[in-house]
Amino acid sequence: MVSIIIPIYNVELYLHDCLESLNRQTIKDFEVIFVDDCSSDTSVQILEHFLRNDCKFKYTFIKHETNRGLGAARNTGVSFAKGDFYFFLDSDDTLCPNAIEHLLKDIKKFNVDAVFGSISLITQEGSKIKDFINKPKFLSFPANRKYLLGGTFVCAWGKLYTKKFFHSVIQAYPTDMKYEDVIPFIKMVLCLKKEWKIMESDSLSVNWRQRTNSLSKGKTSILDIKTNLLFCQNVLSCKDFLYFLSKSIHWYQKSNELLVIYRNFSKKAIRDASIYELFTLDSRSVKYALEIIDGEETKNIFLARIKLFYKIYRNNI
């Protein structure tokens, strides 16, 4: 059975579409865990009316007593899940009709631990913008490093996970912060160095609604960005971290404060890089470093590192 976990928070305009998409699933062996995170609009009333009158699937409905954020709502949902597979869906998005059926078929057929579904972008009103269809493939790291560190959607939803994989690799979502998807995603990237297997599917899974007032489009939280970057700095190589910096800076609204943080992390990545990493940086990372840090300063950092390694080399001849 698949457990679909849906946090709910002030989505009265879009919730009914989400619920109807669950009814339209072509597979019936699934449950849905709804977690209301103290909505202040009519979301709860809409959900309760649907569950009483129109629901065609098994469900559990939990209400948080206080607003705890998206990460905590997902964690609550996981704690109530009874399925062998987990799927996350945001309550302002909708499921494609055969999403669960196709992803479940893929995860069993290819014996993998997680499947990333393809995504369709829709307008705030629900009209299609564009489909992002994956090329079916098994992911590996570092072979797919550029794609995984900035070329794909960094999100919890749209992916089917085995229960074992989720609890062993992702474990839980960060709480009391924005951008809670980043750290779990990086954990997934790094797990590919071990025995875990992940693939991408060309089956559309989620219609991702582009809202102007969604939680992810709100005011930038510099503290939460810094928390995520500190984690990534500690687990990624300097070379991979610099590439991740060059891509992730574009996720957020530009500000002087954001540039200062990225500049400081970039300087440290260059200073800490090995001589091999410096000489094997891709062109995007070099271009980013020259833009984010003053060009002359970057050159001096590079030269200082090269001189240091040359001195070590000479002393060991």
Protein backbone atom coordinates (compact mmCIF):
# COMPACT_ATOMS: atom_id res chain seq x y z
CA MET A 1 0.00 0.00 0.00
CA VAL A 2 1.10 3.57 -0.71
CA SER A 3 0.77 6.28 1.94
CA ILE A 4 0.17 9.71 0.41
CA ILE A 5 1.03 12.47 2.90
CA ILE A 6 -0.56 15.88 2.39
CA PRO A 7 0.11 18.86 4.69
CA ILE A 8 -2.65 21.48 4.63
CA TYR A 9 -2.30 25.16 5.38
CA ASN A 10 -4.57 27.92 4.05
CA VAL A 11 -5.30 26.44 0.63
CA GLU A 12 -9.04 26.95 0.43
CA LEU A 13 -8.89 28.06 -3.22
CA TYR A 14 -7.05 24.95 -4.40
CA LEU A 15 -7.79 22.12 -1.98
CA HIS A 16 -10.87 20.76 -3.75
CA ASP A 17 -8.86 20.22 -6.96
CA CYS A 18 -6.24 18.32 -4.96
CA LEU A 19 -8.89 16.11 -3.33
CA GLU A 20 -10.64 15.33 -6.61
CA SER A 21 -7.31 14.27 -8.15
CA LEU A 22 -7.00 11.67 -5.38
CA ASN A 23 -10.42 10.27 -6.25
CA ARG A 24 -9.35 9.93 -9.88
CA GLN A 25 -6.35 7.68 -9.18
CA THR A 26 -6.32 4.58 -11.34
CA ILE A 27 -5.03 2.47 -8.45
CA LYS A 28 -7.03 2.05 -5.25
CA ASP A 29 -4.51 0.50 -2.86
CA PHE A 30 -3.48 3.71 -1.15
CA GLU A 31 -4.24 5.74 1.94
CA VAL A 32 -4.03 9.50 2.43
CA ILE A 33 -2.81 11.17 5.60
CA PHE A 34 -3.99 14.76 5.83
CA VAL A 35 -2.22 17.00 8.35
CA ASP A 36 -3.75 20.40 8.99
CA ASP A 37 -1.16 22.83 10.32
CA CYS A 38 -3.63 25.24 11.96
CA SER A 39 -5.20 26.73 8.84
CA SER A 40 -6.96 30.04 9.45
CA ASP A 41 -9.16 29.89 6.34
CA THR A 42 -11.87 27.38 5.38
CA SER A 43 -9.48 24.58 4.34
CA VAL A 44 -10.54 22.29 7.21
CA GLN A 45 -14.24 22.75 6.48
CA ILE A 46 -13.64 22.00 2.78
CA LEU A 47 -11.72 18.86 3.66
CA GLU A 48 -14.24 17.62 6.20
CA HIS A 49 -17.13 18.14 3.77
CA PHE A 50 -15.27 16.18 1.10
CA LEU A 51 -14.41 13.34 3.46
CA ARG A 52 -18.05 13.02 4.56
CA ASN A 53 -19.63 13.19 1.11
CA ASP A 54 -17.25 12.45 -1.75
CA CYS A 55 -14.18 10.54 -0.54
CA LYS A 56 -13.39 7.25 -2.35
CA PHE A 57 -10.20 6.29 -0.53
CA LYS A 58 -8.88 5.42 2.92
CA TYR A 59 -7.73 8.38 4.96
CA THR A 60 -6.48 9.67 8.29
CA PHE A 61 -6.97 13.29 9.31
CA ILE A 62 -4.72 14.89 11.93
CA LYS A 63 -4.85 18.44 13.25
CA HIS A 64 -1.84 20.18 14.74
CA GLU A 65 -2.64 22.16 17.85
CA THR A 66 -0.15 24.85 16.87
CA ASN A 67 1.32 25.94 13.55
CA ARG A 68 4.56 23.97 13.21
CA GLY A 69 5.49 24.35 9.55
CA LEU A 70 5.63 22.17 6.46
CA GLY A 71 8.49 19.94 7.62
CA ALA A 72 6.77 19.10 10.89
CA ALA A 73 3.47 18.41 9.09
CA ARG A 74 5.19 15.93 6.78
CA ASN A 75 6.87 14.25 9.75
CA THR A 76 3.52 13.94 11.51
CA GLY A 77 2.06 12.34 8.40
CA VAL A 78 4.91 9.83 8.23
CA SER A 79 4.31 8.84 11.87
CA PHE A 80 0.74 7.82 10.98
CA ALA A 81 1.58 6.13 7.66
CA LYS A 82 0.80 2.42 7.37
CA GLY A 83 2.01 1.84 3.80
CA ASP A 84 5.19 0.25 2.47
CA PHE A 85 5.72 3.27 0.19
CA TYR A 86 5.53 7.02 0.85
CA PHE A 87 4.49 9.80 -1.52
CA PHE A 88 4.28 13.50 -0.59
CA LEU A 89 1.90 15.94 -2.22
CA ASP A 90 1.34 19.62 -1.49
CA SER A 91 -2.30 20.53 -1.02
CA ASP A 92 -2.33 23.28 -3.67
CA ASP A 93 -1.08 20.82 -6.33
CA THR A 94 -2.86 17.89 -7.98
CA LEU A 95 -1.97 14.31 -8.81
CA CYS A 96 -2.00 13.10 -12.40
CA PRO A 97 -4.60 10.29 -12.73
CA ASN A 98 -2.18 7.37 -13.11
CA ALA A 99 0.64 8.83 -11.01
CA ILE A 100 0.65 6.32 -8.16
CA GLU A 101 -0.02 3.34 -10.41
CA HIS A 102 2.88 4.08 -12.75
CA LEU A 103 5.41 5.04 -10.06
CA LEU A 104 4.55 1.94 -8.04
CA LYS A 105 4.95 -0.20 -11.14
CA ASP A 106 8.39 1.33 -11.81
CA ILE A 107 9.67 0.94 -8.26
CA LYS A 108 8.74 -2.75 -8.24
CA LYS A 109 9.73 -3.59 -11.81
CA PHE A 110 13.21 -2.05 -11.56
CA ASN A 111 13.74 -2.94 -7.89
CA VAL A 112 14.76 0.57 -6.86
CA ASP A 113 14.40 2.46 -3.58
CA ALA A 114 12.89 5.65 -4.97
CA VAL A 115 11.35 6.87 -8.23
CA PHE A 116 11.25 10.54 -9.28
CA GLY A 117 8.17 11.29 -11.36
CA SER A 118 7.92 13.84 -14.16
CA ILE A 119 6.25 17.19 -13.44
CA SER A 120 3.71 19.40 -15.18
CA LEU A 121 3.71 23.14 -14.40
CA ILE A 122 0.27 24.75 -14.24
CA THR A 123 -0.85 28.34 -13.72
CA GLN A 124 -2.44 29.55 -10.51
CA GLU A 125 -5.80 29.01 -12.22
CA GLY A 126 -4.91 25.46 -13.30
CA SER A 127 -3.98 25.85 -16.98
CA LYS A 128 -0.98 23.90 -18.23
CA ILE A 129 2.27 25.82 -18.74
CA LYS A 130 4.80 23.13 -19.58
CA ASP A 131 5.59 19.47 -18.97
CA PHE A 132 9.01 18.47 -17.67
CA ILE A 133 9.33 14.87 -18.83
CA ASN A 134 12.24 12.90 -17.40
CA LYS A 135 14.30 10.66 -19.59
CA PRO A 136 13.94 7.26 -17.86
CA LYS A 137 17.28 6.46 -16.26
CA PHE A 138 19.00 5.23 -13.14
CA LEU A 139 20.71 8.02 -11.23
CA SER A 140 24.24 7.76 -9.89
CA PHE A 141 26.69 10.03 -8.14
CA PRO A 142 29.10 11.48 -9.13
CA ALA A 143 28.21 10.53 -12.73
CA ASN A 144 25.03 12.68 -12.60
CA ARG A 145 26.50 15.28 -10.21
CA LYS A 146 25.64 18.39 -12.25
CA TYR A 147 22.07 17.24 -12.79
CA LEU A 148 21.53 16.26 -9.15
CA LEU A 149 23.19 19.37 -7.72
CA GLY A 150 21.12 21.86 -9.64
CA GLY A 151 19.53 20.45 -12.77
CA THR A 152 16.49 18.78 -11.25
CA PHE A 153 13.63 19.83 -8.98
CA VAL A 154 14.70 19.90 -5.33
CA CYS A 155 11.46 18.95 -3.62
CA ALA A 156 9.82 16.27 -1.47
CA TRP A 157 6.72 15.82 -3.60
CA GLY A 158 6.42 13.93 -6.88
CA LYS A 159 8.61 11.07 -5.69
CA LEU A 160 7.75 7.59 -4.49
CA TYR A 161 9.96 6.21 -1.71
CA THR A 162 10.12 2.81 -0.11
CA LYS A 163 9.48 2.95 3.62
CA LYS A 164 12.96 1.50 4.31
CA PHE A 165 14.64 4.09 2.11
CA PHE A 166 12.82 7.01 3.70
CA HIS A 167 13.60 6.03 7.28
CA SER A 168 17.21 5.05 6.51
CA VAL A 169 18.21 7.98 4.28
CA ILE A 170 15.84 10.93 4.65
CA GLN A 171 14.75 10.05 8.20
CA ALA A 172 12.79 13.27 8.79
CA TYR A 173 12.27 16.77 7.44
CA PRO A 174 13.82 19.77 9.20
CA THR A 175 11.29 21.69 11.25
CA ASP A 176 10.74 25.35 12.07
CA MET A 177 12.41 26.50 8.87
CA LYS A 178 11.74 27.27 5.21
CA TYR A 179 13.38 25.37 2.33
CA GLU A 180 13.03 22.15 4.32
CA ASP A 181 13.39 20.07 1.13
CA VAL A 182 17.07 20.89 0.56
CA ILE A 183 18.80 18.82 3.25
CA PRO A 184 16.75 15.64 2.61
CA PHE A 185 17.43 15.98 -1.11
CA ILE A 186 21.20 16.26 -0.59
CA LYS A 187 21.00 13.17 1.63
CA MET A 188 19.39 11.35 -1.30
CA VAL A 189 22.15 12.52 -3.65
CA LEU A 190 24.89 11.26 -1.35
CA CYS A 191 23.17 7.92 -0.68
CA LEU A 192 23.78 7.06 -4.35
CA LYS A 193 27.42 6.50 -3.44
CA LYS A 194 26.24 3.48 -1.43
CA GLU A 195 23.87 0.61 -2.13
CA TRP A 196 20.69 2.64 -2.66
CA LYS A 197 19.10 2.87 -6.11
CA ILE A 198 17.05 5.75 -7.52
CA MET A 199 15.56 6.16 -10.98
CA GLU A 200 13.65 8.80 -12.89
CA SER A 201 10.38 8.00 -14.63
CA ASP A 202 8.83 9.61 -17.68
CA SER A 203 5.38 9.26 -16.08
CA LEU A 204 3.80 12.55 -15.06
CA SER A 205 3.15 12.56 -11.33
CA VAL A 206 2.24 16.07 -10.13
CA ASN A 207 0.66 19.20 -11.55
CA TRP A 208 2.72 21.88 -9.80
CA ARG A 209 0.70 25.04 -9.34
CA GLN A 210 2.64 28.30 -9.74
CA ARG A 211 1.20 30.51 -7.01
CA THR A 212 2.30 34.05 -6.27
CA ASN A 213 1.53 33.69 -2.55
CA SER A 214 2.70 30.15 -1.83
CA LEU A 215 4.88 29.29 1.18
CA SER A 216 7.92 28.85 -1.06
CA LYS A 217 7.41 32.26 -2.70
CA GLY A 218 7.27 34.20 0.57
CA LYS A 219 9.92 36.38 2.14
CA THR A 220 13.43 34.97 1.85
CA SER A 221 14.77 33.53 5.12
CA ILE A 222 18.51 34.19 5.17
CA LEU A 223 18.97 32.18 8.37
CA ASP A 224 17.36 29.08 6.84
CA ILE A 225 19.40 29.42 3.66
CA LYS A 226 22.55 29.60 5.77
CA THR A 227 21.50 26.50 7.73
CA ASN A 228 21.07 24.53 4.52
CA LEU A 229 24.39 25.76 3.10
CA LEU A 230 26.25 24.82 6.29
CA PHE A 231 24.90 21.29 6.00
CA CYS A 232 25.86 21.07 2.32
CA GLN A 233 29.32 22.50 3.03
CA ASN A 234 29.94 19.75 5.58
CA VAL A 235 28.85 16.81 3.40
CA LEU A 236 29.83 17.82 -0.14
CA SER A 237 33.33 18.09 -1.55
CA CYS A 238 34.54 21.66 -2.13
CA LYS A 239 34.20 21.15 -5.88
CA ASP A 240 30.63 19.86 -5.62
CA PHE A 241 29.68 22.50 -3.07
CA LEU A 242 30.93 25.31 -5.32
CA TYR A 243 28.84 23.94 -8.18
CA PHE A 244 25.81 23.69 -5.87
CA LEU A 245 26.34 27.32 -4.83
CA SER A 246 26.44 28.40 -8.48
CA LYS A 247 23.01 26.83 -9.08
CA SER A 248 21.15 27.34 -5.78
CA ILE A 249 21.75 31.10 -5.59
CA HIS A 250 19.16 31.46 -8.35
CA TRP A 251 16.45 29.83 -6.22
CA TYR A 252 16.04 32.90 -4.04
CA GLN A 253 15.14 36.54 -4.39
CA LYS A 254 18.32 38.55 -4.81
CA SER A 255 19.46 40.79 -1.95
CA ASN A 256 22.74 42.18 -0.64
CA GLU A 257 22.46 39.93 2.40
CA LEU A 258 22.06 36.85 0.20
CA LEU A 259 25.08 37.82 -1.91
CA VAL A 260 27.24 38.29 1.20
CA ILE A 261 26.38 34.80 2.46
CA TYR A 262 27.07 33.16 -0.89
CA ARG A 263 30.28 35.15 -1.30
CA ASN A 264 31.57 33.99 2.08
CA PHE A 265 30.69 30.33 1.46
CA SER A 266 32.30 30.54 -1.98
CA LYS A 267 35.55 31.98 -0.59
CA LYS A 268 35.79 29.18 1.95
CA ALA A 269 35.09 26.52 -0.68
CA ILE A 270 37.93 27.84 -2.85
CA ARG A 271 40.32 28.14 0.09
CA ASP A 272 39.53 24.61 1.30
CA ALA A 273 39.65 22.97 -2.14
CA SER A 274 42.43 20.55 -2.97
CA ILE A 275 44.74 21.32 -5.86
CA TYR A 276 42.99 18.59 -7.85
CA GLU A 277 39.59 20.15 -7.22
CA LEU A 278 40.82 23.59 -8.26
CA PHE A 279 42.19 22.32 -11.54
CA THR A 280 39.09 20.24 -12.32
CA LEU A 281 36.46 22.90 -11.64
CA ASP A 282 33.88 23.10 -14.43
CA SER A 283 33.51 26.35 -16.36
CA ARG A 284 30.21 27.21 -14.66
CA SER A 285 31.79 27.09 -11.19
CA VAL A 286 34.75 29.20 -12.28
CA LYS A 287 32.50 31.77 -13.92
CA TYR A 288 30.29 31.87 -10.82
CA ALA A 289 33.29 32.34 -8.52
CA LEU A 290 34.61 35.21 -10.63
CA GLU A 291 31.19 36.88 -10.52
CA ILE A 292 30.31 36.33 -6.86
CA ILE A 293 33.78 37.26 -5.57
CA ASP A 294 35.88 40.16 -6.79
CA GLY A 295 37.91 38.88 -9.73
CA GLU A 296 41.30 39.95 -8.39
CA GLU A 297 40.53 38.52 -4.97
CA THR A 298 39.51 35.19 -6.49
CA LYS A 299 42.71 35.07 -8.52
CA ASN A 300 44.76 35.72 -5.40
CA ILE A 301 43.00 32.90 -3.56
CA PHE A 302 43.70 30.52 -6.45
CA LEU A 303 47.35 31.59 -6.61
CA ALA A 304 47.81 31.26 -2.86
CA ARG A 305 46.45 27.72 -2.95
CA ILE A 306 48.63 26.73 -5.88
CA LYS A 307 51.77 28.19 -4.20
CA LEU A 308 50.96 26.31 -1.00
CA PHE A 309 50.68 22.97 -2.77
CA TYR A 310 53.84 23.69 -4.77
CA LYS A 311 55.72 24.40 -1.53
CA ILE A 312 54.44 21.15 0.02
CA TYR A 313 55.40 19.28 -3.14
CA ARG A 314 58.94 20.75 -3.13
CA ASN A 315 59.47 19.94 0.53
CA ASN A 316 58.56 16.30 -0.06
CA ILE A 317 60.79 15.66 -3.08
